[in-house]
PDB file of all heavy atoms in Angstrom:
ATOM      1  N   ILE A   1      11.566 -81.508   1.220  1.00  0.00           N
ATOM      2  CA  ILE A   1      11.028 -80.958   2.398  1.00  0.00           C
ATOM      3  C   ILE A   1      11.874 -81.332   3.606  1.00  0.00           C
ATOM      4  O   ILE A   1      12.299 -82.451   3.784  1.00  0.00           O
ATOM      5  CB  ILE A   1       9.599 -81.406   2.641  1.00  0.00           C
ATOM      6  CG1 ILE A   1       8.639 -80.833   1.554  1.00  0.00           C
ATOM      7  CG2 ILE A   1       9.129 -81.076   4.046  1.00  0.00           C
ATOM      8  CD1 ILE A   1       7.228 -81.320   1.676  1.00  0.00           C
ATOM      9  N   ASP A   2      12.204 -80.364   4.477  1.00  0.00           N
ATOM     10  CA  ASP A   2      12.998 -80.526   5.614  1.00  0.00           C
ATOM     11  C   ASP A   2      11.988 -80.676   6.722  1.00  0.00           C
ATOM     12  O   ASP A   2      11.537 -79.684   7.329  1.00  0.00           O
ATOM     13  CB  ASP A   2      13.961 -79.382   5.895  1.00  0.00           C
ATOM     14  CG  ASP A   2      14.932 -79.637   7.041  1.00  0.00           C
ATOM     15  OD1 ASP A   2      14.472 -80.435   7.977  1.00  0.00           O
ATOM     16  OD2 ASP A   2      15.988 -79.054   7.109  1.00  0.00           O
ATOM     17  N   ARG A   3      11.590 -81.860   7.043  1.00  0.00           N
ATOM     18  CA  ARG A   3      10.467 -82.125   7.979  1.00  0.00           C
ATOM     19  C   ARG A   3      10.915 -81.655   9.373  1.00  0.00           C
ATOM     20  O   ARG A   3      10.097 -81.093  10.049  1.00  0.00           O
ATOM     21  CB  ARG A   3      10.133 -83.619   8.014  1.00  0.00           C
ATOM     22  CG  ARG A   3       9.007 -84.018   8.870  1.00  0.00           C
ATOM     23  CD  ARG A   3       8.540 -85.459   8.633  1.00  0.00           C
ATOM     24  NE  ARG A   3       7.434 -85.777   9.520  1.00  0.00           N
ATOM     25  CZ  ARG A   3       7.486 -86.302  10.690  1.00  0.00           C
ATOM     26  NH1 ARG A   3       8.655 -86.463  11.278  1.00  0.00           N
ATOM     27  NH2 ARG A   3       6.407 -86.512  11.366  1.00  0.00           N
ATOM     28  N   GLU A   4      12.140 -81.822   9.842  1.00  0.00           N
ATOM     29  CA  GLU A   4      12.510 -81.420  11.110  1.00  0.00           C
ATOM     30  C   GLU A   4      12.433 -79.908  11.197  1.00  0.00           C
ATOM     31  O   GLU A   4      12.014 -79.370  12.252  1.00  0.00           O
ATOM     32  CB  GLU A   4      13.913 -81.919  11.390  1.00  0.00           C
ATOM     33  CG  GLU A   4      14.468 -81.633  12.763  1.00  0.00           C
ATOM     34  CD  GLU A   4      15.816 -82.125  13.083  1.00  0.00           C
ATOM     35  OE1 GLU A   4      16.369 -82.908  12.257  1.00  0.00           O
ATOM     36  OE2 GLU A   4      16.437 -81.744  14.042  1.00  0.00           O
ATOM     37  N   ALA A   5      12.844 -79.189  10.159  1.00  0.00           N
ATOM     38  CA  ALA A   5      12.806 -77.699  10.236  1.00  0.00           C
ATOM     39  C   ALA A   5      11.419 -77.262  10.313  1.00  0.00           C
ATOM     40  O   ALA A   5      11.071 -76.310  10.886  1.00  0.00           O
ATOM     41  CB  ALA A   5      13.577 -77.204   8.987  1.00  0.00           C
ATOM     42  N   ALA A   6      10.574 -77.913   9.400  1.00  0.00           N
ATOM     43  CA  ALA A   6       9.154 -77.494   9.431  1.00  0.00           C
ATOM     44  C   ALA A   6       8.516 -77.625  10.702  1.00  0.00           C
ATOM     45  O   ALA A   6       7.767 -76.826  11.250  1.00  0.00           O
ATOM     46  CB  ALA A   6       8.431 -78.294   8.312  1.00  0.00           C
ATOM     47  N   LEU A   7       8.663 -78.781  11.370  1.00  0.00           N
ATOM     48  CA  LEU A   7       8.084 -79.088  12.567  1.00  0.00           C
ATOM     49  C   LEU A   7       8.573 -78.321  13.795  1.00  0.00           C
ATOM     50  O   LEU A   7       8.034 -78.236  14.937  1.00  0.00           O
ATOM     51  CB  LEU A   7       8.159 -80.622  12.922  1.00  0.00           C
ATOM     52  CG  LEU A   7       7.277 -81.516  11.969  1.00  0.00           C
ATOM     53  CD1 LEU A   7       7.520 -82.899  12.269  1.00  0.00           C
ATOM     54  CD2 LEU A   7       5.835 -81.199  12.160  1.00  0.00           C
ATOM     55  N   SER A   8       9.788 -77.715  13.538  1.00  0.00           N
ATOM     56  CA  SER A   8      10.356 -76.826  14.695  1.00  0.00           C
ATOM     57  C   SER A   8       9.651 -75.466  14.693  1.00  0.00           C
ATOM     58  O   SER A   8       9.993 -74.742  15.643  1.00  0.00           O
ATOM     59  CB  SER A   8      11.861 -76.602  14.344  1.00  0.00           C
ATOM     60  OG  SER A   8      12.057 -75.836  13.224  1.00  0.00           O
ATOM     61  N   GLN A   9       8.753 -75.215  13.727  1.00  0.00           N
ATOM     62  CA  GLN A   9       8.008 -74.021  13.636  1.00  0.00           C
ATOM     63  C   GLN A   9       6.399 -74.382  13.730  1.00  0.00           C
ATOM     64  O   GLN A   9       5.713 -74.078  12.702  1.00  0.00           O
ATOM     65  CB  GLN A   9       8.397 -73.191  12.480  1.00  0.00           C
ATOM     66  CG  GLN A   9       9.767 -72.699  12.415  1.00  0.00           C
ATOM     67  CD  GLN A   9      10.234 -71.853  11.223  1.00  0.00           C
ATOM     68  OE1 GLN A   9      10.093 -72.369  10.064  1.00  0.00           O
ATOM     69  NE2 GLN A   9      10.424 -70.580  11.486  1.00  0.00           N
ATOM     70  N   PRO A  10       5.945 -74.888  14.801  1.00  0.00           N
ATOM     71  CA  PRO A  10       4.469 -75.309  14.802  1.00  0.00           C
ATOM     72  C   PRO A  10       3.615 -74.090  14.689  1.00  0.00           C
ATOM     73  O   PRO A  10       2.455 -74.254  14.195  1.00  0.00           O
ATOM     74  CB  PRO A  10       4.361 -75.923  16.182  1.00  0.00           C
ATOM     75  CG  PRO A  10       5.547 -75.395  17.002  1.00  0.00           C
ATOM     76  CD  PRO A  10       6.657 -75.158  16.116  1.00  0.00           C
ATOM     77  N   ASP A  11       3.979 -72.885  15.145  1.00  0.00           N
ATOM     78  CA  ASP A  11       3.151 -71.691  14.883  1.00  0.00           C
ATOM     79  C   ASP A  11       2.907 -71.343  13.403  1.00  0.00           C
ATOM     80  O   ASP A  11       1.781 -71.108  12.928  1.00  0.00           O
ATOM     81  CB  ASP A  11       3.710 -70.598  15.605  1.00  0.00           C
ATOM     82  CG  ASP A  11       2.833 -69.223  15.524  1.00  0.00           C
ATOM     83  OD1 ASP A  11       1.656 -69.304  15.953  1.00  0.00           O
ATOM     84  OD2 ASP A  11       3.376 -68.273  14.954  1.00  0.00           O
ATOM     85  N   ILE A  12       3.957 -71.499  12.730  1.00  0.00           N
ATOM     86  CA  ILE A  12       3.847 -71.177  11.219  1.00  0.00           C
ATOM     87  C   ILE A  12       2.997 -72.395  10.497  1.00  0.00           C
ATOM     88  O   ILE A  12       2.133 -72.010   9.667  1.00  0.00           O
ATOM     89  CB  ILE A  12       5.272 -71.239  10.577  1.00  0.00           C
ATOM     90  CG1 ILE A  12       5.939 -69.885  10.844  1.00  0.00           C
ATOM     91  CG2 ILE A  12       5.159 -71.414   9.028  1.00  0.00           C
ATOM     92  CD1 ILE A  12       7.272 -69.764  10.368  1.00  0.00           C
ATOM     93  N   LEU A  13       3.153 -73.573  10.991  1.00  0.00           N
ATOM     94  CA  LEU A  13       2.363 -74.683  10.384  1.00  0.00           C
ATOM     95  C   LEU A  13       0.862 -74.424  10.809  1.00  0.00           C
ATOM     96  O   LEU A  13       0.005 -74.824   9.898  1.00  0.00           O
ATOM     97  CB  LEU A  13       2.861 -75.991  10.897  1.00  0.00           C
ATOM     98  CG  LEU A  13       4.280 -76.407  10.332  1.00  0.00           C
ATOM     99  CD1 LEU A  13       4.645 -77.776  10.859  1.00  0.00           C
ATOM    100  CD2 LEU A  13       4.368 -76.321   8.886  1.00  0.00           C
ATOM    101  N   ASP A  14       0.620 -73.985  11.920  1.00  0.00           N
ATOM    102  CA  ASP A  14      -0.832 -73.696  12.252  1.00  0.00           C
ATOM    103  C   ASP A  14      -1.383 -72.553  11.432  1.00  0.00           C
ATOM    104  O   ASP A  14      -2.544 -72.776  11.031  1.00  0.00           O
ATOM    105  CB  ASP A  14      -0.888 -73.328  13.832  1.00  0.00           C
ATOM    106  CG  ASP A  14      -2.314 -72.867  14.155  1.00  0.00           C
ATOM    107  OD1 ASP A  14      -3.195 -73.771  14.232  1.00  0.00           O
ATOM    108  OD2 ASP A  14      -2.439 -71.647  14.401  1.00  0.00           O
ATOM    109  N   LYS A  15      -0.583 -71.665  11.066  1.00  0.00           N
ATOM    110  CA  LYS A  15      -1.055 -70.508  10.209  1.00  0.00           C
ATOM    111  C   LYS A  15      -1.264 -71.101   8.714  1.00  0.00           C
ATOM    112  O   LYS A  15      -2.205 -70.674   8.104  1.00  0.00           O
ATOM    113  CB  LYS A  15       0.031 -69.280  10.222  1.00  0.00           C
ATOM    114  CG  LYS A  15       0.045 -68.623  11.500  1.00  0.00           C
ATOM    115  CD  LYS A  15       1.149 -67.583  11.560  1.00  0.00           C
ATOM    116  CE  LYS A  15       1.123 -66.919  12.870  1.00  0.00           C
ATOM    117  NZ  LYS A  15       2.236 -65.890  12.904  1.00  0.00           N
ATOM    118  N   VAL A  16      -0.376 -72.076   8.371  1.00  0.00           N
ATOM    119  CA  VAL A  16      -0.509 -72.678   7.074  1.00  0.00           C
ATOM    120  C   VAL A  16      -1.882 -73.453   7.041  1.00  0.00           C
ATOM    121  O   VAL A  16      -2.592 -73.401   6.083  1.00  0.00           O
ATOM    122  CB  VAL A  16       0.709 -73.490   6.700  1.00  0.00           C
ATOM    123  CG1 VAL A  16       0.438 -74.416   5.592  1.00  0.00           C
ATOM    124  CG2 VAL A  16       1.864 -72.666   6.500  1.00  0.00           C
ATOM    125  N   ARG A  17      -2.103 -74.097   8.097  1.00  0.00           N
ATOM    126  CA  ARG A  17      -3.310 -74.907   8.198  1.00  0.00           C
ATOM    127  C   ARG A  17      -4.528 -74.058   8.068  1.00  0.00           C
ATOM    128  O   ARG A  17      -5.511 -74.301   7.371  1.00  0.00           O
ATOM    129  CB  ARG A  17      -3.392 -75.707   9.570  1.00  0.00           C
ATOM    130  CG  ARG A  17      -4.520 -76.674   9.681  1.00  0.00           C
ATOM    131  CD  ARG A  17      -4.620 -77.283  10.997  1.00  0.00           C
ATOM    132  NE  ARG A  17      -5.477 -78.573  10.954  1.00  0.00           N
ATOM    133  CZ  ARG A  17      -6.848 -78.431  11.002  1.00  0.00           C
ATOM    134  NH1 ARG A  17      -7.431 -77.237  11.260  1.00  0.00           N
ATOM    135  NH2 ARG A  17      -7.557 -79.487  10.996  1.00  0.00           N
ATOM    136  N   ARG A  18      -4.582 -72.975   8.796  1.00  0.00           N
ATOM    137  CA  ARG A  18      -5.690 -72.022   8.702  1.00  0.00           C
ATOM    138  C   ARG A  18      -5.845 -71.409   7.371  1.00  0.00           C
ATOM    139  O   ARG A  18      -6.913 -71.148   6.829  1.00  0.00           O
ATOM    140  CB  ARG A  18      -5.547 -70.934   9.810  1.00  0.00           C
ATOM    141  CG  ARG A  18      -6.081 -71.425  11.231  1.00  0.00           C
ATOM    142  CD  ARG A  18      -5.944 -70.277  12.238  1.00  0.00           C
ATOM    143  NE  ARG A  18      -4.599 -70.039  12.712  1.00  0.00           N
ATOM    144  CZ  ARG A  18      -4.179 -69.003  13.379  1.00  0.00           C
ATOM    145  NH1 ARG A  18      -5.042 -67.966  13.520  1.00  0.00           N
ATOM    146  NH2 ARG A  18      -2.998 -68.910  13.806  1.00  0.00           N
ATOM    147  N   THR A  19      -4.701 -71.108   6.771  1.00  0.00           N
ATOM    148  CA  THR A  19      -4.780 -70.538   5.367  1.00  0.00           C
ATOM    149  C   THR A  19      -5.305 -71.599   4.447  1.00  0.00           C
ATOM    150  O   THR A  19      -6.199 -71.192   3.568  1.00  0.00           O
ATOM    151  CB  THR A  19      -3.279 -70.303   4.896  1.00  0.00           C
ATOM    152  OG1 THR A  19      -2.764 -69.302   5.759  1.00  0.00           O
ATOM    153  CG2 THR A  19      -3.199 -69.774   3.428  1.00  0.00           C
ATOM    154  N   ALA A  20      -5.053 -72.837   4.557  1.00  0.00           N
ATOM    155  CA  ALA A  20      -5.641 -73.918   3.691  1.00  0.00           C
ATOM    156  C   ALA A  20      -7.138 -73.952   3.904  1.00  0.00           C
ATOM    157  O   ALA A  20      -7.890 -74.126   2.913  1.00  0.00           O
ATOM    158  CB  ALA A  20      -4.958 -75.217   4.008  1.00  0.00           C
ATOM    159  N   LEU A  21      -7.540 -73.912   5.047  1.00  0.00           N
ATOM    160  CA  LEU A  21      -8.987 -73.857   5.377  1.00  0.00           C
ATOM    161  C   LEU A  21      -9.774 -72.631   4.697  1.00  0.00           C
ATOM    162  O   LEU A  21     -10.852 -72.881   4.127  1.00  0.00           O
ATOM    163  CB  LEU A  21      -9.232 -73.927   6.860  1.00  0.00           C
ATOM    164  CG  LEU A  21      -8.884 -75.103   7.687  1.00  0.00           C
ATOM    165  CD1 LEU A  21      -9.095 -74.872   9.132  1.00  0.00           C
ATOM    166  CD2 LEU A  21      -9.492 -76.247   7.226  1.00  0.00           C
ATOM    167  N   ILE A  22      -9.122 -71.563   4.778  1.00  0.00           N
ATOM    168  CA  ILE A  22      -9.641 -70.340   4.148  1.00  0.00           C
ATOM    169  C   ILE A  22      -9.698 -70.533   2.699  1.00  0.00           C
ATOM    170  O   ILE A  22     -10.646 -70.195   1.988  1.00  0.00           O
ATOM    171  CB  ILE A  22      -8.910 -69.072   4.605  1.00  0.00           C
ATOM    172  CG1 ILE A  22      -9.019 -68.725   6.003  1.00  0.00           C
ATOM    173  CG2 ILE A  22      -9.289 -67.934   3.714  1.00  0.00           C
ATOM    174  CD1 ILE A  22      -8.189 -67.773   6.612  1.00  0.00           C
ATOM    175  N   GLU A  23      -8.664 -71.036   2.026  1.00  0.00           N
ATOM    176  CA  GLU A  23      -8.670 -71.310   0.726  1.00  0.00           C
ATOM    177  C   GLU A  23      -9.762 -72.224   0.196  1.00  0.00           C
ATOM    178  O   GLU A  23     -10.262 -72.108  -0.903  1.00  0.00           O
ATOM    179  CB  GLU A  23      -7.279 -71.877   0.161  1.00  0.00           C
ATOM    180  CG  GLU A  23      -6.019 -70.945   0.265  1.00  0.00           C
ATOM    181  CD  GLU A  23      -6.071 -69.764  -0.721  1.00  0.00           C
ATOM    182  OE1 GLU A  23      -7.039 -69.720  -1.548  1.00  0.00           O
ATOM    183  OE2 GLU A  23      -5.159 -68.965  -0.656  1.00  0.00           O
ATOM    184  N   SER A  24     -10.113 -73.195   1.021  1.00  0.00           N
ATOM    185  CA  SER A  24     -11.117 -74.189   0.755  1.00  0.00           C
ATOM    186  C   SER A  24     -12.522 -73.400   0.640  1.00  0.00           C
ATOM    187  O   SER A  24     -13.469 -74.025   0.036  1.00  0.00           O
ATOM    188  CB  SER A  24     -11.261 -75.266   1.744  1.00  0.00           C
ATOM    189  OG  SER A  24     -11.875 -74.782   2.952  1.00  0.00           O
ATOM    190  N   TYR A  25     -12.633 -72.223   1.109  1.00  0.00           N
ATOM    191  CA  TYR A  25     -13.855 -71.505   1.215  1.00  0.00           C
ATOM    192  C   TYR A  25     -14.215 -70.910  -0.105  1.00  0.00           C
ATOM    193  O   TYR A  25     -15.547 -70.550  -0.290  1.00  0.00           O
ATOM    194  CB  TYR A  25     -13.761 -70.274   2.205  1.00  0.00           C
ATOM    195  CG  TYR A  25     -14.993 -69.608   2.528  1.00  0.00           C
ATOM    196  CD1 TYR A  25     -16.133 -70.137   3.202  1.00  0.00           C
ATOM    197  CD2 TYR A  25     -15.203 -68.232   2.074  1.00  0.00           C
ATOM    198  CE1 TYR A  25     -17.145 -69.524   3.478  1.00  0.00           C
ATOM    199  CE2 TYR A  25     -16.347 -67.552   2.367  1.00  0.00           C
ATOM    200  CZ  TYR A  25     -17.321 -68.229   3.055  1.00  0.00           C
ATOM    201  OH  TYR A  25     -18.532 -67.468   3.372  1.00  0.00           O
ATOM    202  N   HIS A  26     -13.413 -70.912  -1.133  1.00  0.00           N
ATOM    203  CA  HIS A  26     -13.686 -70.468  -2.433  1.00  0.00           C
ATOM    204  C   HIS A  26     -14.920 -71.215  -3.096  1.00  0.00           C
ATOM    205  O   HIS A  26     -15.494 -70.713  -3.908  1.00  0.00           O
ATOM    206  CB  HIS A  26     -12.556 -70.432  -3.313  1.00  0.00           C
ATOM    207  CG  HIS A  26     -11.381 -69.549  -2.915  1.00  0.00           C
ATOM    208  ND1 HIS A  26     -11.646 -68.203  -2.895  1.00  0.00           N
ATOM    209  CD2 HIS A  26     -10.133 -69.700  -2.620  1.00  0.00           C
ATOM    210  CE1 HIS A  26     -10.511 -67.538  -2.629  1.00  0.00           C
ATOM    211  NE2 HIS A  26      -9.601 -68.387  -2.312  1.00  0.00           N
ATOM    212  N   ALA A  27     -15.090 -72.466  -2.587  1.00  0.00           N
ATOM    213  CA  ALA A  27     -16.211 -73.161  -3.191  1.00  0.00           C
ATOM    214  C   ALA A  27     -17.526 -72.514  -2.847  1.00  0.00           C
ATOM    215  O   ALA A  27     -18.521 -72.691  -3.601  1.00  0.00           O
ATOM    216  CB  ALA A  27     -16.255 -74.637  -2.540  1.00  0.00           C
ATOM    217  N   LEU A  28     -17.586 -71.646  -1.813  1.00  0.00           N
ATOM    218  CA  LEU A  28     -18.783 -70.977  -1.499  1.00  0.00           C
ATOM    219  C   LEU A  28     -18.629 -69.499  -1.986  1.00  0.00           C
ATOM    220  O   LEU A  28     -19.479 -68.968  -2.692  1.00  0.00           O
ATOM    221  CB  LEU A  28     -19.051 -71.049  -0.037  1.00  0.00           C
ATOM    222  CG  LEU A  28     -19.436 -72.403   0.545  1.00  0.00           C
ATOM    223  CD1 LEU A  28     -19.785 -72.147   2.059  1.00  0.00           C
ATOM    224  CD2 LEU A  28     -20.557 -73.051  -0.212  1.00  0.00           C
ATOM    225  N   GLY A  29     -17.647 -68.841  -1.465  1.00  0.00           N
ATOM    226  CA  GLY A  29     -17.488 -67.346  -1.581  1.00  0.00           C
ATOM    227  C   GLY A  29     -17.338 -66.912  -3.003  1.00  0.00           C
ATOM    228  O   GLY A  29     -18.006 -66.050  -3.541  1.00  0.00           O
ATOM    229  N   THR A  30     -16.350 -67.555  -3.692  1.00  0.00           N
ATOM    230  CA  THR A  30     -16.051 -67.134  -5.088  1.00  0.00           C
ATOM    231  C   THR A  30     -17.228 -67.556  -6.040  1.00  0.00           C
ATOM    232  O   THR A  30     -17.561 -66.749  -6.976  1.00  0.00           O
ATOM    233  CB  THR A  30     -14.790 -67.779  -5.596  1.00  0.00           C
ATOM    234  OG1 THR A  30     -13.712 -67.397  -4.736  1.00  0.00           O
ATOM    235  CG2 THR A  30     -14.377 -67.141  -6.969  1.00  0.00           C
ATOM    236  N   VAL A  31     -17.797 -68.685  -5.870  1.00  0.00           N
ATOM    237  CA  VAL A  31     -18.861 -69.127  -6.611  1.00  0.00           C
ATOM    238  C   VAL A  31     -20.051 -68.267  -6.605  1.00  0.00           C
ATOM    239  O   VAL A  31     -20.786 -67.956  -7.499  1.00  0.00           O
ATOM    240  CB  VAL A  31     -19.247 -70.620  -6.282  1.00  0.00           C
ATOM    241  CG1 VAL A  31     -20.538 -70.987  -7.008  1.00  0.00           C
ATOM    242  CG2 VAL A  31     -18.182 -71.553  -6.731  1.00  0.00           C
ATOM    243  N   SER A  32     -20.285 -67.817  -5.328  1.00  0.00           N
ATOM    244  CA  SER A  32     -21.367 -66.743  -5.040  1.00  0.00           C
ATOM    245  C   SER A  32     -21.176 -65.529  -5.779  1.00  0.00           C
ATOM    246  O   SER A  32     -22.122 -64.852  -6.302  1.00  0.00           O
ATOM    247  CB  SER A  32     -21.616 -66.591  -3.535  1.00  0.00           C
ATOM    248  OG  SER A  32     -21.949 -67.802  -2.911  1.00  0.00           O
ATOM    249  N   LEU A  33     -19.831 -64.990  -5.866  1.00  0.00           N
ATOM    250  CA  LEU A  33     -19.571 -63.763  -6.520  1.00  0.00           C
ATOM    251  C   LEU A  33     -19.850 -63.980  -8.066  1.00  0.00           C
ATOM    252  O   LEU A  33     -20.291 -63.076  -8.729  1.00  0.00           O
ATOM    253  CB  LEU A  33     -18.104 -63.383  -6.308  1.00  0.00           C
ATOM    254  CG  LEU A  33     -17.792 -62.515  -5.128  1.00  0.00           C
ATOM    255  CD1 LEU A  33     -16.269 -62.433  -4.923  1.00  0.00           C
ATOM    256  CD2 LEU A  33     -18.422 -61.163  -5.242  1.00  0.00           C
ATOM    257  N   ILE A  34     -19.549 -65.045  -8.537  1.00  0.00           N
ATOM    258  CA  ILE A  34     -19.760 -65.428 -10.022  1.00  0.00           C
ATOM    259  C   ILE A  34     -21.215 -65.245 -10.243  1.00  0.00           C
ATOM    260  O   ILE A  34     -21.624 -64.812 -11.232  1.00  0.00           O
ATOM    261  CB  ILE A  34     -19.196 -66.845 -10.359  1.00  0.00           C
ATOM    262  CG1 ILE A  34     -17.700 -66.839 -10.377  1.00  0.00           C
ATOM    263  CG2 ILE A  34     -19.731 -67.275 -11.733  1.00  0.00           C
ATOM    264  CD1 ILE A  34     -17.178 -68.201 -10.471  1.00  0.00           C
ATOM    265  N   LYS A  35     -22.162 -65.785  -9.312  1.00  0.00           N
ATOM    266  CA  LYS A  35     -23.465 -65.537  -9.582  1.00  0.00           C
ATOM    267  C   LYS A  35     -24.035 -64.249  -9.563  1.00  0.00           C
ATOM    268  O   LYS A  35     -24.771 -63.779 -10.314  1.00  0.00           O
ATOM    269  CB  LYS A  35     -24.217 -66.455  -8.470  1.00  0.00           C
ATOM    270  CG  LYS A  35     -24.120 -67.923  -8.625  1.00  0.00           C
ATOM    271  CD  LYS A  35     -24.814 -68.647  -7.548  1.00  0.00           C
ATOM    272  CE  LYS A  35     -24.675 -70.194  -7.587  1.00  0.00           C
ATOM    273  NZ  LYS A  35     -25.414 -70.899  -6.501  1.00  0.00           N
ATOM    274  N   LEU A  36     -23.352 -63.357  -8.608  1.00  0.00           N
ATOM    275  CA  LEU A  36     -23.760 -61.992  -8.589  1.00  0.00           C
ATOM    276  C   LEU A  36     -23.413 -61.208  -9.776  1.00  0.00           C
ATOM    277  O   LEU A  36     -24.112 -60.354 -10.286  1.00  0.00           O
ATOM    278  CB  LEU A  36     -23.044 -61.303  -7.317  1.00  0.00           C
ATOM    279  CG  LEU A  36     -23.689 -61.388  -5.972  1.00  0.00           C
ATOM    280  CD1 LEU A  36     -22.748 -60.709  -4.978  1.00  0.00           C
ATOM    281  CD2 LEU A  36     -25.053 -60.820  -5.865  1.00  0.00           C
TER     282      LEU A  36
END
């Protein structure tokens, strides 16, 4: 990992962070679809 290159793009890292949060939502959304 090129930490300096990564941190030079904080906007991209913010989008990665939000993506990670959305992926964590499968514990609710996907499980509910399985029940349906």
